[in-house]
Amino acid sequence: MNEFDPSLRGINGGQGQLVASHMIRLRMRVPSGSEEEEFHCKYVDTSNELLLCKIISFYDNKNLRISKLEILSETDVFFYYFREMNRAEFRLLKEEQQLNVDFDDFPLLLADLAGRGMEADEQIQCTLTLIDASRARLDFISVAHAFRHTELLSIELDAADIEQRDLLISFRYNELRRRLAITEDRYRDLATAVRQRYPHILRTANTNAEEQETSS
């Protein structure tokens, strides 16, 4: 992971360590638009999205200080939600949801749930509920039994502020430009090697590419 990635910077400073990075399929839910009924807002499913989930740990003298979860889109650079959790916040979460892990193992739990969310048997269902423009909730639900769904973990997320968003977009743009430059260099090297040894293959490849562009 690039050390200049803003994801590795904690709110309170410090350099983070990437624990896991998974593409996971999330069921997206948004407010229905209907009026609220006594503190209860109805939500509707909109789509299934393939989003990137990253888990990052921040340490202080080898002691886990912050556990960070990010949800972002590879196609929509404006889509970014995150949660940074310290020991005190985790203690409340553990009591509320009766988790059986300690804070030091929490990043591994997140990585395991995110990884299992993309398995073929789909025994873990991941749902992202967009509460409003600045908040969301990520739920990991076990659907191993047809008639019983069990909530494994629920975490509230925050949307990135303007400064965070600008840093992320700038980094991703520069990273894409860097990768494109590398790809173009490899293409030129390959084209030169083929032109020198097998020029007829290059001519055929160029002709096929031109025909595809014309037909499209």
N, C-alpha and C. Protein backbone atom coordinates (compact mmCIF):
# COMPACT_ATOMS: atom_id res chain seq x y z
N MET A 1 0.85 -1.20 0.00
CA MET A 1 0.00 0.00 0.00
C MET A 1 0.88 1.25 0.00
N ASN A 2 0.53 2.24 -0.79
CA ASN A 2 1.30 3.46 -0.89
C ASN A 2 1.30 4.22 0.43
N GLU A 3 2.52 4.58 0.89
CA GLU A 3 2.62 5.27 2.18
C GLU A 3 1.99 6.65 2.16
N PHE A 4 1.73 7.19 0.97
CA PHE A 4 1.11 8.51 0.86
C PHE A 4 -0.42 8.43 0.81
N ASP A 5 -0.96 7.23 0.90
CA ASP A 5 -2.40 7.05 0.88
C ASP A 5 -3.02 7.74 2.10
N PRO A 6 -3.96 8.67 1.90
CA PRO A 6 -4.60 9.34 3.04
C PRO A 6 -5.30 8.37 3.99
N SER A 7 -5.66 7.18 3.50
CA SER A 7 -6.30 6.19 4.36
C SER A 7 -5.41 5.79 5.52
N LEU A 8 -4.11 5.92 5.35
CA LEU A 8 -3.17 5.51 6.38
C LEU A 8 -2.92 6.60 7.41
N ARG A 9 -3.61 7.72 7.26
CA ARG A 9 -3.45 8.81 8.22
C ARG A 9 -4.64 8.83 9.16
N GLY A 10 -4.36 8.74 10.44
CA GLY A 10 -5.43 8.77 11.42
C GLY A 10 -5.89 10.17 11.71
N ILE A 11 -7.10 10.30 12.26
CA ILE A 11 -7.63 11.61 12.63
C ILE A 11 -6.71 12.31 13.62
N ASN A 12 -6.15 11.53 14.54
CA ASN A 12 -5.27 12.09 15.57
C ASN A 12 -3.79 11.94 15.21
N GLY A 13 -3.50 11.73 13.93
CA GLY A 13 -2.12 11.60 13.50
C GLY A 13 -1.65 10.16 13.56
N GLY A 14 -0.43 9.94 13.10
CA GLY A 14 0.13 8.60 13.11
C GLY A 14 -0.05 7.90 11.78
N GLN A 15 0.83 6.93 11.51
CA GLN A 15 0.80 6.17 10.27
C GLN A 15 0.17 4.81 10.53
N GLY A 16 -0.81 4.45 9.71
CA GLY A 16 -1.52 3.21 9.91
C GLY A 16 -0.91 2.05 9.16
N GLN A 17 -1.34 0.85 9.53
CA GLN A 17 -0.92 -0.39 8.88
C GLN A 17 -2.15 -1.08 8.30
N LEU A 18 -2.06 -1.42 7.03
CA LEU A 18 -3.19 -2.09 6.38
C LEU A 18 -3.31 -3.52 6.88
N VAL A 19 -4.48 -3.87 7.42
CA VAL A 19 -4.74 -5.22 7.90
C VAL A 19 -5.34 -6.07 6.79
N ALA A 20 -6.30 -5.51 6.05
CA ALA A 20 -6.96 -6.24 4.98
C ALA A 20 -7.62 -5.27 4.02
N SER A 21 -7.78 -5.72 2.78
CA SER A 21 -8.47 -4.95 1.77
C SER A 21 -9.27 -5.93 0.91
N HIS A 22 -10.61 -5.82 0.95
CA HIS A 22 -11.48 -6.77 0.26
C HIS A 22 -12.51 -6.02 -0.58
N MET A 23 -12.77 -6.54 -1.78
CA MET A 23 -13.94 -6.11 -2.51
C MET A 23 -15.12 -6.94 -1.99
N ILE A 24 -16.13 -6.28 -1.47
CA ILE A 24 -17.27 -7.00 -0.92
C ILE A 24 -18.56 -6.53 -1.59
N ARG A 25 -19.52 -7.45 -1.68
CA ARG A 25 -20.81 -7.11 -2.27
C ARG A 25 -21.75 -6.64 -1.17
N LEU A 26 -22.19 -5.40 -1.27
CA LEU A 26 -23.03 -4.81 -0.25
C LEU A 26 -24.44 -4.57 -0.78
N ARG A 27 -25.39 -4.94 0.03
CA ARG A 27 -26.78 -4.58 -0.28
C ARG A 27 -27.00 -3.16 0.21
N MET A 28 -27.32 -2.26 -0.70
CA MET A 28 -27.49 -0.86 -0.38
C MET A 28 -28.92 -0.57 0.01
N ARG A 29 -29.09 0.21 1.10
CA ARG A 29 -30.42 0.60 1.56
C ARG A 29 -30.43 2.11 1.79
N VAL A 30 -31.52 2.76 1.39
CA VAL A 30 -31.66 4.21 1.55
C VAL A 30 -33.03 4.50 2.14
N PRO A 31 -33.20 5.68 2.75
CA PRO A 31 -34.53 6.04 3.26
C PRO A 31 -35.57 5.99 2.16
N SER A 32 -36.76 5.54 2.51
CA SER A 32 -37.82 5.35 1.51
C SER A 32 -38.38 6.66 1.00
N GLY A 33 -38.16 7.74 1.74
CA GLY A 33 -38.72 9.02 1.33
C GLY A 33 -40.06 9.30 1.95
N SER A 34 -40.63 8.28 2.61
CA SER A 34 -41.91 8.48 3.29
C SER A 34 -41.68 9.15 4.64
N GLU A 35 -42.74 9.65 5.22
CA GLU A 35 -42.62 10.34 6.50
C GLU A 35 -42.24 9.36 7.60
N GLU A 36 -41.50 9.84 8.57
CA GLU A 36 -41.09 9.00 9.69
C GLU A 36 -42.29 8.73 10.59
N GLU A 37 -42.27 7.51 11.15
CA GLU A 37 -43.36 7.11 12.04
C GLU A 37 -42.79 6.92 13.44
N GLU A 38 -42.90 7.96 14.25
CA GLU A 38 -42.47 7.89 15.63
C GLU A 38 -41.08 7.28 15.80
N PHE A 39 -40.08 8.04 15.44
CA PHE A 39 -38.68 7.66 15.61
C PHE A 39 -38.26 6.50 14.71
N HIS A 40 -39.11 6.05 13.82
CA HIS A 40 -38.74 4.93 12.95
C HIS A 40 -38.81 5.38 11.50
N CYS A 41 -37.69 5.23 10.81
CA CYS A 41 -37.64 5.61 9.40
C CYS A 41 -37.56 4.35 8.55
N LYS A 42 -38.41 4.22 7.58
CA LYS A 42 -38.41 3.06 6.71
C LYS A 42 -37.30 3.17 5.66
N TYR A 43 -36.69 2.03 5.35
CA TYR A 43 -35.62 1.99 4.34
C TYR A 43 -36.00 0.98 3.26
N VAL A 44 -35.50 1.23 2.06
CA VAL A 44 -35.76 0.33 0.94
C VAL A 44 -34.44 -0.08 0.31
N ASP A 45 -34.40 -1.32 -0.20
CA ASP A 45 -33.22 -1.80 -0.91
C ASP A 45 -33.15 -1.15 -2.28
N THR A 46 -31.95 -0.76 -2.69
CA THR A 46 -31.79 -0.12 -4.00
C THR A 46 -30.99 -0.97 -4.96
N SER A 47 -29.89 -1.55 -4.51
CA SER A 47 -29.03 -2.30 -5.42
C SER A 47 -28.01 -3.09 -4.62
N ASN A 48 -27.29 -3.96 -5.33
CA ASN A 48 -26.13 -4.64 -4.77
C ASN A 48 -24.89 -4.02 -5.41
N GLU A 49 -24.00 -3.51 -4.59
CA GLU A 49 -22.82 -2.82 -5.09
C GLU A 49 -21.56 -3.55 -4.66
N LEU A 50 -20.58 -3.56 -5.56
CA LEU A 50 -19.27 -4.11 -5.24
C LEU A 50 -18.39 -2.96 -4.78
N LEU A 51 -18.08 -2.93 -3.48
CA LEU A 51 -17.32 -1.82 -2.90
C LEU A 51 -16.08 -2.34 -2.20
N LEU A 52 -15.12 -1.44 -2.04
CA LEU A 52 -13.86 -1.80 -1.39
C LEU A 52 -13.95 -1.56 0.11
N CYS A 53 -13.60 -2.57 0.87
CA CYS A 53 -13.58 -2.47 2.33
C CYS A 53 -12.14 -2.61 2.80
N LYS A 54 -11.66 -1.62 3.55
CA LYS A 54 -10.29 -1.64 4.05
C LYS A 54 -10.30 -1.55 5.58
N ILE A 55 -9.43 -2.33 6.19
CA ILE A 55 -9.27 -2.30 7.64
C ILE A 55 -7.83 -1.89 7.93
N ILE A 56 -7.68 -0.85 8.75
CA ILE A 56 -6.36 -0.28 9.03
C ILE A 56 -6.19 -0.14 10.54
N SER A 57 -5.01 -0.44 11.03
CA SER A 57 -4.71 -0.34 12.46
C SER A 57 -3.66 0.73 12.70
N PHE A 58 -3.84 1.47 13.80
CA PHE A 58 -2.88 2.49 14.22
C PHE A 58 -2.35 2.09 15.60
N TYR A 59 -1.02 2.11 15.72
CA TYR A 59 -0.38 1.64 16.95
C TYR A 59 0.38 2.76 17.64
N ASP A 60 0.51 2.60 18.94
CA ASP A 60 1.32 3.48 19.76
C ASP A 60 2.19 2.60 20.65
N ASN A 61 3.49 2.58 20.35
CA ASN A 61 4.41 1.69 21.08
C ASN A 61 3.94 0.24 21.04
N LYS A 62 3.57 -0.21 19.86
CA LYS A 62 3.14 -1.58 19.59
C LYS A 62 1.78 -1.92 20.21
N ASN A 63 1.11 -0.94 20.79
CA ASN A 63 -0.22 -1.15 21.34
C ASN A 63 -1.26 -0.58 20.38
N LEU A 64 -2.27 -1.38 20.05
CA LEU A 64 -3.31 -0.92 19.15
C LEU A 64 -4.03 0.28 19.76
N ARG A 65 -4.05 1.39 19.03
CA ARG A 65 -4.67 2.61 19.53
C ARG A 65 -5.99 2.91 18.82
N ILE A 66 -6.01 2.72 17.49
CA ILE A 66 -7.19 3.02 16.68
C ILE A 66 -7.39 1.88 15.68
N SER A 67 -8.63 1.44 15.53
CA SER A 67 -8.99 0.51 14.47
C SER A 67 -9.90 1.25 13.49
N LYS A 68 -9.53 1.22 12.23
CA LYS A 68 -10.23 2.02 11.22
C LYS A 68 -10.84 1.12 10.14
N LEU A 69 -12.09 1.40 9.82
CA LEU A 69 -12.80 0.70 8.76
C LEU A 69 -13.20 1.70 7.69
N GLU A 70 -12.97 1.36 6.43
CA GLU A 70 -13.33 2.25 5.32
C GLU A 70 -14.17 1.48 4.30
N ILE A 71 -15.15 2.17 3.74
CA ILE A 71 -15.95 1.66 2.63
C ILE A 71 -15.88 2.70 1.52
N LEU A 72 -15.36 2.32 0.36
CA LEU A 72 -15.26 3.26 -0.74
C LEU A 72 -15.51 2.56 -2.07
N SER A 73 -15.82 3.36 -3.06
CA SER A 73 -16.14 2.84 -4.39
C SER A 73 -14.96 3.03 -5.32
N GLU A 74 -14.72 2.03 -6.16
CA GLU A 74 -13.65 2.12 -7.16
C GLU A 74 -14.08 2.96 -8.34
N THR A 75 -15.38 3.18 -8.52
CA THR A 75 -15.88 3.92 -9.67
C THR A 75 -16.38 5.32 -9.31
N ASP A 76 -16.88 5.50 -8.09
CA ASP A 76 -17.40 6.79 -7.64
C ASP A 76 -16.43 7.37 -6.60
N VAL A 77 -15.60 8.31 -7.01
CA VAL A 77 -14.57 8.82 -6.11
C VAL A 77 -15.15 9.64 -4.96
N PHE A 78 -16.42 10.01 -5.04
CA PHE A 78 -17.05 10.80 -3.98
C PHE A 78 -17.66 9.91 -2.89
N PHE A 79 -17.71 8.60 -3.13
CA PHE A 79 -18.33 7.69 -2.19
C PHE A 79 -17.28 7.19 -1.21
N TYR A 80 -17.39 7.61 0.06
CA TYR A 80 -16.40 7.22 1.05
C TYR A 80 -17.01 7.36 2.44
N TYR A 81 -17.05 6.24 3.18
CA TYR A 81 -17.50 6.23 4.56
C TYR A 81 -16.44 5.54 5.41
N PHE A 82 -16.33 5.96 6.66
CA PHE A 82 -15.30 5.38 7.51
C PHE A 82 -15.72 5.43 8.98
N ARG A 83 -14.97 4.67 9.78
CA ARG A 83 -15.14 4.73 11.23
C ARG A 83 -13.79 4.46 11.87
N GLU A 84 -13.38 5.36 12.76
CA GLU A 84 -12.19 5.16 13.56
C GLU A 84 -12.64 4.91 14.99
N MET A 85 -12.18 3.80 15.57
CA MET A 85 -12.65 3.40 16.88
C MET A 85 -11.48 3.17 17.83
N ASN A 86 -11.54 3.82 19.00
CA ASN A 86 -10.51 3.61 20.02
C ASN A 86 -11.00 2.58 21.03
N ARG A 87 -10.20 2.34 22.06
CA ARG A 87 -10.53 1.31 23.04
C ARG A 87 -11.82 1.61 23.79
N ALA A 88 -12.00 2.87 24.19
CA ALA A 88 -13.19 3.22 24.95
C ALA A 88 -14.45 3.03 24.11
N GLU A 89 -14.41 3.44 22.84
CA GLU A 89 -15.56 3.27 21.96
C GLU A 89 -15.83 1.78 21.71
N PHE A 90 -14.76 1.02 21.56
CA PHE A 90 -14.95 -0.42 21.33
C PHE A 90 -15.58 -1.08 22.56
N ARG A 91 -15.20 -0.64 23.74
CA ARG A 91 -15.74 -1.23 24.96
C ARG A 91 -17.27 -1.08 24.99
N LEU A 92 -17.76 0.09 24.58
CA LEU A 92 -19.21 0.30 24.52
C LEU A 92 -19.85 -0.58 23.46
N LEU A 93 -19.19 -0.67 22.29
CA LEU A 93 -19.71 -1.52 21.21
C LEU A 93 -19.77 -2.98 21.65
N LYS A 94 -18.73 -3.42 22.34
CA LYS A 94 -18.67 -4.81 22.80
C LYS A 94 -19.79 -5.12 23.77
N GLU A 95 -20.07 -4.19 24.67
CA GLU A 95 -21.14 -4.40 25.65
C GLU A 95 -22.51 -4.38 24.98
N GLU A 96 -22.71 -3.44 24.06
CA GLU A 96 -24.01 -3.31 23.40
C GLU A 96 -24.33 -4.52 22.52
N GLN A 97 -23.31 -5.03 21.81
CA GLN A 97 -23.56 -6.09 20.84
C GLN A 97 -23.04 -7.46 21.31
N GLN A 98 -22.57 -7.49 22.55
CA GLN A 98 -22.14 -8.75 23.17
C GLN A 98 -21.11 -9.48 22.30
N LEU A 99 -20.08 -8.74 21.91
CA LEU A 99 -19.01 -9.33 21.11
C LEU A 99 -18.10 -10.16 22.01
N ASN A 100 -17.53 -11.20 21.45
CA ASN A 100 -16.66 -12.09 22.23
C ASN A 100 -15.19 -11.94 21.83
N VAL A 101 -14.80 -10.75 21.36
CA VAL A 101 -13.41 -10.48 21.02
C VAL A 101 -12.94 -9.25 21.80
N ASP A 102 -11.64 -9.16 21.97
CA ASP A 102 -11.05 -7.99 22.61
C ASP A 102 -10.66 -6.98 21.55
N PHE A 103 -10.30 -5.78 22.00
CA PHE A 103 -9.98 -4.70 21.06
C PHE A 103 -8.81 -5.06 20.16
N ASP A 104 -7.80 -5.75 20.70
CA ASP A 104 -6.63 -6.10 19.91
C ASP A 104 -6.97 -7.04 18.76
N ASP A 105 -8.04 -7.82 18.90
CA ASP A 105 -8.45 -8.75 17.85
C ASP A 105 -9.55 -8.18 16.96
N PHE A 106 -10.02 -6.98 17.26
CA PHE A 106 -11.13 -6.40 16.50
C PHE A 106 -10.79 -6.21 15.02
N PRO A 107 -9.60 -5.71 14.65
CA PRO A 107 -9.29 -5.59 13.21
C PRO A 107 -9.35 -6.92 12.48
N LEU A 108 -8.92 -8.00 13.13
CA LEU A 108 -8.96 -9.32 12.51
C LEU A 108 -10.40 -9.80 12.35
N LEU A 109 -11.27 -9.45 13.31
CA LEU A 109 -12.68 -9.79 13.17
C LEU A 109 -13.29 -9.08 11.97
N LEU A 110 -12.99 -7.80 11.83
CA LEU A 110 -13.50 -7.04 10.68
C LEU A 110 -13.00 -7.64 9.37
N ALA A 111 -11.71 -7.99 9.33
CA ALA A 111 -11.14 -8.57 8.11
C ALA A 111 -11.80 -9.90 7.78
N ASP A 112 -12.07 -10.70 8.80
CA ASP A 112 -12.70 -12.00 8.59
C ASP A 112 -14.12 -11.85 8.06
N LEU A 113 -14.89 -10.95 8.64
CA LEU A 113 -16.27 -10.75 8.20
C LEU A 113 -16.32 -10.20 6.77
N ALA A 114 -15.43 -9.26 6.48
CA ALA A 114 -15.40 -8.69 5.13
C ALA A 114 -15.01 -9.75 4.10
N GLY A 115 -14.03 -10.58 4.45
CA GLY A 115 -13.61 -11.63 3.54
C GLY A 115 -14.69 -12.67 3.31
N ARG A 116 -15.38 -13.05 4.37
CA ARG A 116 -16.45 -14.05 4.24
C ARG A 116 -17.66 -13.50 3.50
N GLY A 117 -17.78 -12.17 3.47
CA GLY A 117 -18.90 -11.55 2.75
C GLY A 117 -18.83 -11.73 1.25
N MET A 118 -17.67 -12.16 0.73
CA MET A 118 -17.53 -12.35 -0.72
C MET A 118 -17.42 -13.83 -1.09
N GLU A 119 -17.57 -14.73 -0.12
CA GLU A 119 -17.48 -16.15 -0.43
C GLU A 119 -18.68 -16.61 -1.25
N ALA A 120 -18.46 -17.67 -2.02
CA ALA A 120 -19.49 -18.13 -2.96
C ALA A 120 -20.77 -18.58 -2.26
N ASP A 121 -20.64 -19.14 -1.05
CA ASP A 121 -21.84 -19.64 -0.38
C ASP A 121 -22.67 -18.52 0.24
N GLU A 122 -22.09 -17.31 0.32
CA GLU A 122 -22.81 -16.12 0.79
C GLU A 122 -23.49 -16.35 2.14
N GLN A 123 -22.77 -16.93 3.09
CA GLN A 123 -23.33 -17.14 4.42
C GLN A 123 -23.29 -15.86 5.26
N ILE A 124 -22.51 -14.89 4.81
CA ILE A 124 -22.48 -13.58 5.47
C ILE A 124 -23.03 -12.54 4.51
N GLN A 125 -24.08 -11.86 4.93
CA GLN A 125 -24.68 -10.80 4.10
C GLN A 125 -24.25 -9.44 4.65
N CYS A 126 -23.74 -8.59 3.77
CA CYS A 126 -23.28 -7.26 4.16
C CYS A 126 -24.27 -6.23 3.65
N THR A 127 -24.74 -5.38 4.55
CA THR A 127 -25.72 -4.36 4.18
C THR A 127 -25.20 -2.98 4.60
N LEU A 128 -25.27 -2.04 3.68
CA LEU A 128 -24.89 -0.67 3.98
C LEU A 128 -26.13 0.21 3.88
N THR A 129 -26.54 0.76 5.00
CA THR A 129 -27.71 1.62 5.06
C THR A 129 -27.26 3.08 5.10
N LEU A 130 -27.64 3.84 4.09
CA LEU A 130 -27.30 5.27 4.04
C LEU A 130 -28.36 6.03 4.82
N ILE A 131 -28.03 6.40 6.04
CA ILE A 131 -29.00 7.03 6.93
C ILE A 131 -29.32 8.45 6.46
N ASP A 132 -28.30 9.22 6.17
CA ASP A 132 -28.47 10.56 5.59
C ASP A 132 -27.17 10.91 4.86
N ALA A 133 -26.98 12.19 4.54
CA ALA A 133 -25.83 12.59 3.73
C ALA A 133 -24.50 12.41 4.45
N SER A 134 -24.53 12.31 5.76
CA SER A 134 -23.27 12.24 6.51
C SER A 134 -23.10 10.97 7.33
N ARG A 135 -24.10 10.09 7.35
CA ARG A 135 -24.02 8.89 8.19
C ARG A 135 -24.49 7.66 7.43
N ALA A 136 -23.91 6.52 7.82
CA ALA A 136 -24.33 5.24 7.26
C ALA A 136 -24.14 4.18 8.34
N ARG A 137 -24.69 3.00 8.10
CA ARG A 137 -24.53 1.88 9.03
C ARG A 137 -24.20 0.62 8.24
N LEU A 138 -23.13 -0.06 8.68
CA LEU A 138 -22.71 -1.29 8.03
C LEU A 138 -23.10 -2.47 8.93
N ASP A 139 -23.85 -3.42 8.37
CA ASP A 139 -24.30 -4.59 9.12
C ASP A 139 -23.75 -5.86 8.48
N PHE A 140 -23.19 -6.73 9.31
CA PHE A 140 -22.79 -8.06 8.90
C PHE A 140 -23.79 -9.05 9.50
N ILE A 141 -24.48 -9.79 8.63
CA ILE A 141 -25.56 -10.67 9.07
C ILE A 141 -25.29 -12.10 8.59
N SER A 142 -25.41 -13.04 9.52
CA SER A 142 -25.26 -14.44 9.16
C SER A 142 -26.58 -14.97 8.60
N VAL A 143 -26.51 -15.54 7.40
CA VAL A 143 -27.70 -16.11 6.76
C VAL A 143 -27.48 -17.59 6.49
N ALA A 144 -26.68 -18.22 7.36
CA ALA A 144 -26.37 -19.64 7.18
C ALA A 144 -27.61 -20.51 7.29
N HIS A 145 -28.58 -20.07 8.10
CA HIS A 145 -29.83 -20.82 8.26
C HIS A 145 -30.95 -20.11 7.51
N ALA A 146 -31.71 -20.86 6.75
CA ALA A 146 -32.74 -20.28 5.89
C ALA A 146 -33.80 -19.52 6.68
N PHE A 147 -34.10 -19.97 7.90
CA PHE A 147 -35.19 -19.38 8.65
C PHE A 147 -34.71 -18.55 9.85
N ARG A 148 -33.38 -18.32 9.92
CA ARG A 148 -32.87 -17.54 11.04
C ARG A 148 -31.66 -16.72 10.61
N HIS A 149 -31.82 -15.42 10.66
CA HIS A 149 -30.72 -14.52 10.34
C HIS A 149 -30.20 -13.92 11.65
N THR A 150 -28.89 -13.92 11.81
CA THR A 150 -28.27 -13.44 13.04
C THR A 150 -27.35 -12.26 12.76
N GLU A 151 -27.56 -11.15 13.45
CA GLU A 151 -26.69 -10.00 13.27
C GLU A 151 -25.38 -10.24 14.01
N LEU A 152 -24.28 -10.22 13.26
CA LEU A 152 -22.97 -10.47 13.84
C LEU A 152 -22.29 -9.20 14.32
N LEU A 153 -22.49 -8.13 13.57
CA LEU A 153 -21.85 -6.86 13.91
C LEU A 153 -22.54 -5.73 13.18
N SER A 154 -22.70 -4.60 13.87
CA SER A 154 -23.28 -3.40 13.27
C SER A 154 -22.43 -2.20 13.66
N ILE A 155 -21.99 -1.44 12.67
CA ILE A 155 -21.09 -0.31 12.93
C ILE A 155 -21.62 0.94 12.23
N GLU A 156 -21.69 2.04 12.94
CA GLU A 156 -22.07 3.31 12.34
C GLU A 156 -20.85 3.96 11.70
N LEU A 157 -21.05 4.52 10.51
CA LEU A 157 -19.97 5.13 9.74
C LEU A 157 -20.26 6.61 9.50
N ASP A 158 -19.20 7.36 9.25
CA ASP A 158 -19.31 8.77 8.90
C ASP A 158 -18.85 8.98 7.47
N ALA A 159 -19.48 9.93 6.78
CA ALA A 159 -19.02 10.30 5.45
C ALA A 159 -17.79 11.20 5.58
N ALA A 160 -16.94 11.16 4.58
CA ALA A 160 -15.75 12.00 4.61
C ALA A 160 -16.13 13.47 4.51
N ASP A 161 -15.39 14.32 5.23
CA ASP A 161 -15.63 15.75 5.09
C ASP A 161 -14.92 16.25 3.82
N ILE A 162 -15.04 17.53 3.53
CA ILE A 162 -14.50 18.07 2.27
C ILE A 162 -12.99 17.88 2.18
N GLU A 163 -12.29 18.13 3.28
CA GLU A 163 -10.83 17.99 3.25
C GLU A 163 -10.41 16.55 3.00
N GLN A 164 -11.04 15.61 3.70
CA GLN A 164 -10.72 14.19 3.50
C GLN A 164 -11.04 13.76 2.08
N ARG A 165 -12.19 14.20 1.58
CA ARG A 165 -12.60 13.82 0.23
C ARG A 165 -11.61 14.32 -0.81
N ASP A 166 -11.18 15.59 -0.66
CA ASP A 166 -10.23 16.17 -1.63
C ASP A 166 -8.90 15.44 -1.61
N LEU A 167 -8.43 15.07 -0.41
CA LEU A 167 -7.17 14.33 -0.30
C LEU A 167 -7.27 12.98 -0.99
N LEU A 168 -8.41 12.29 -0.76
CA LEU A 168 -8.60 10.98 -1.35
C LEU A 168 -8.68 11.04 -2.87
N ILE A 169 -9.44 12.01 -3.39
CA ILE A 169 -9.59 12.13 -4.84
C ILE A 169 -8.25 12.47 -5.47
N SER A 170 -7.50 13.38 -4.86
CA SER A 170 -6.19 13.76 -5.38
C SER A 170 -5.25 12.55 -5.41
N PHE A 171 -5.25 11.78 -4.32
CA PHE A 171 -4.37 10.61 -4.26
C PHE A 171 -4.76 9.58 -5.31
N ARG A 172 -6.05 9.29 -5.43
CA ARG A 172 -6.49 8.26 -6.37
C ARG A 172 -6.24 8.69 -7.81
N TYR A 173 -6.40 9.98 -8.08
CA TYR A 173 -6.12 10.48 -9.43
C TYR A 173 -4.64 10.32 -9.76
N ASN A 174 -3.76 10.72 -8.84
CA ASN A 174 -2.32 10.60 -9.08
C ASN A 174 -1.87 9.15 -9.16
N GLU A 175 -2.50 8.28 -8.34
CA GLU A 175 -2.15 6.87 -8.37
C GLU A 175 -2.56 6.24 -9.70
N LEU A 176 -3.74 6.61 -10.21
CA LEU A 176 -4.19 6.10 -11.50
C LEU A 176 -3.27 6.59 -12.62
N ARG A 177 -2.87 7.86 -12.55
CA ARG A 177 -1.96 8.40 -13.56
C ARG A 177 -0.62 7.67 -13.52
N ARG A 178 -0.13 7.35 -12.31
CA ARG A 178 1.13 6.63 -12.18
C ARG A 178 1.04 5.24 -12.78
N ARG A 179 -0.08 4.54 -12.50
CA ARG A 179 -0.26 3.19 -13.05
C ARG A 179 -0.39 3.24 -14.56
N LEU A 180 -1.07 4.26 -15.09
CA LEU A 180 -1.23 4.40 -16.52
C LEU A 180 0.12 4.60 -17.19
N ALA A 181 0.98 5.40 -16.56
CA ALA A 181 2.32 5.64 -17.12
C ALA A 181 3.13 4.35 -17.15
N ILE A 182 3.01 3.53 -16.11
CA ILE A 182 3.71 2.24 -16.07
C ILE A 182 3.21 1.32 -17.17
N THR A 183 1.87 1.30 -17.36
CA THR A 183 1.28 0.46 -18.39
C THR A 183 1.72 0.90 -19.77
N GLU A 184 1.76 2.21 -20.00
CA GLU A 184 2.19 2.72 -21.30
C GLU A 184 3.65 2.39 -21.57
N ASP A 185 4.50 2.43 -20.55
CA ASP A 185 5.91 2.07 -20.71
C ASP A 185 6.04 0.59 -21.07
N ARG A 186 5.25 -0.27 -20.40
CA ARG A 186 5.29 -1.70 -20.70
C ARG A 186 4.81 -1.96 -22.13
N TYR A 187 3.77 -1.21 -22.54
CA TYR A 187 3.25 -1.38 -23.89
C TYR A 187 4.32 -1.01 -24.92
N ARG A 188 5.01 0.10 -24.70
CA ARG A 188 6.05 0.51 -25.65
C ARG A 188 7.18 -0.51 -25.71
N ASP A 189 7.58 -1.04 -24.55
CA ASP A 189 8.65 -2.05 -24.53
C ASP A 189 8.23 -3.31 -25.26
N LEU A 190 6.98 -3.74 -25.03
CA LEU A 190 6.47 -4.94 -25.70
C LEU A 190 6.36 -4.74 -27.20
N ALA A 191 5.84 -3.58 -27.60
CA ALA A 191 5.69 -3.29 -29.03
C ALA A 191 7.05 -3.26 -29.73
N THR A 192 8.05 -2.70 -29.06
CA THR A 192 9.39 -2.65 -29.65
C THR A 192 9.97 -4.05 -29.82
N ALA A 193 9.81 -4.90 -28.79
CA ALA A 193 10.33 -6.27 -28.86
C ALA A 193 9.64 -7.07 -29.96
N VAL A 194 8.31 -6.95 -30.06
CA VAL A 194 7.57 -7.69 -31.09
C VAL A 194 7.91 -7.17 -32.47
N ARG A 195 8.06 -5.85 -32.61
CA ARG A 195 8.38 -5.26 -33.92
C ARG A 195 9.74 -5.77 -34.43
N GLN A 196 10.67 -5.96 -33.51
CA GLN A 196 12.00 -6.40 -33.92
C GLN A 196 12.05 -7.87 -34.29
N ARG A 197 11.28 -8.71 -33.57
CA ARG A 197 11.37 -10.15 -33.79
C ARG A 197 10.22 -10.73 -34.60
N TYR A 198 9.02 -10.20 -34.39
CA TYR A 198 7.84 -10.73 -35.08
C TYR A 198 6.99 -9.59 -35.63
N PRO A 199 7.48 -8.86 -36.61
CA PRO A 199 6.74 -7.68 -37.10
C PRO A 199 5.36 -8.02 -37.66
N HIS A 200 5.19 -9.25 -38.22
CA HIS A 200 3.89 -9.60 -38.79
C HIS A 200 2.82 -9.73 -37.70
N ILE A 201 3.23 -10.16 -36.49
CA ILE A 201 2.27 -10.26 -35.39
C ILE A 201 1.77 -8.88 -35.00
N LEU A 202 2.68 -7.92 -34.95
CA LEU A 202 2.30 -6.55 -34.58
C LEU A 202 1.38 -5.94 -35.62
N ARG A 203 1.66 -6.21 -36.92
CA ARG A 203 0.79 -5.67 -37.97
C ARG A 203 -0.61 -6.26 -37.86
N THR A 204 -0.69 -7.56 -37.59
CA THR A 204 -1.98 -8.20 -37.45
C THR A 204 -2.76 -7.65 -36.25
N ALA A 205 -2.05 -7.47 -35.13
CA ALA A 205 -2.68 -6.94 -33.91
C ALA A 205 -3.20 -5.53 -34.15
N ASN A 206 -2.42 -4.69 -34.82
CA ASN A 206 -2.84 -3.31 -35.10
C ASN A 206 -4.03 -3.29 -36.05
N THR A 207 -4.04 -4.18 -37.03
CA THR A 207 -5.17 -4.24 -37.96
C THR A 207 -6.45 -4.65 -37.23
N ASN A 208 -6.34 -5.66 -36.35
CA ASN A 208 -7.51 -6.11 -35.59
C ASN A 208 -8.04 -5.01 -34.69
N ALA A 209 -7.11 -4.25 -34.08
CA ALA A 209 -7.52 -3.17 -33.18
C ALA A 209 -8.25 -2.08 -33.97
N GLU A 210 -7.76 -1.77 -35.16
CA GLU A 210 -8.41 -0.74 -35.99
C GLU A 210 -9.80 -1.19 -36.42
N GLU A 211 -9.95 -2.48 -36.74
CA GLU A 211 -11.25 -2.99 -37.16
C GLU A 211 -12.24 -2.95 -36.00
N GLN A 212 -11.77 -3.26 -34.79
CA GLN A 212 -12.65 -3.20 -33.62
C GLN A 212 -13.10 -1.78 -33.33
N GLU A 213 -12.18 -0.81 -33.47
CA GLU A 213 -12.55 0.58 -33.25
C GLU A 213 -13.56 1.06 -34.27
N THR A 214 -13.40 0.62 -35.53
CA THR A 214 -14.31 1.02 -36.59
C THR A 214 -15.71 0.44 -36.38
N SER A 215 -15.76 -0.84 -35.96
CA SER A 215 -17.05 -1.48 -35.76
C SER A 215 -17.79 -0.95 -34.56
N SER A 216 -17.04 -0.45 -33.55
CA SER A 216 -17.70 0.08 -32.36
C SER A 216 -18.15 1.51 -32.57
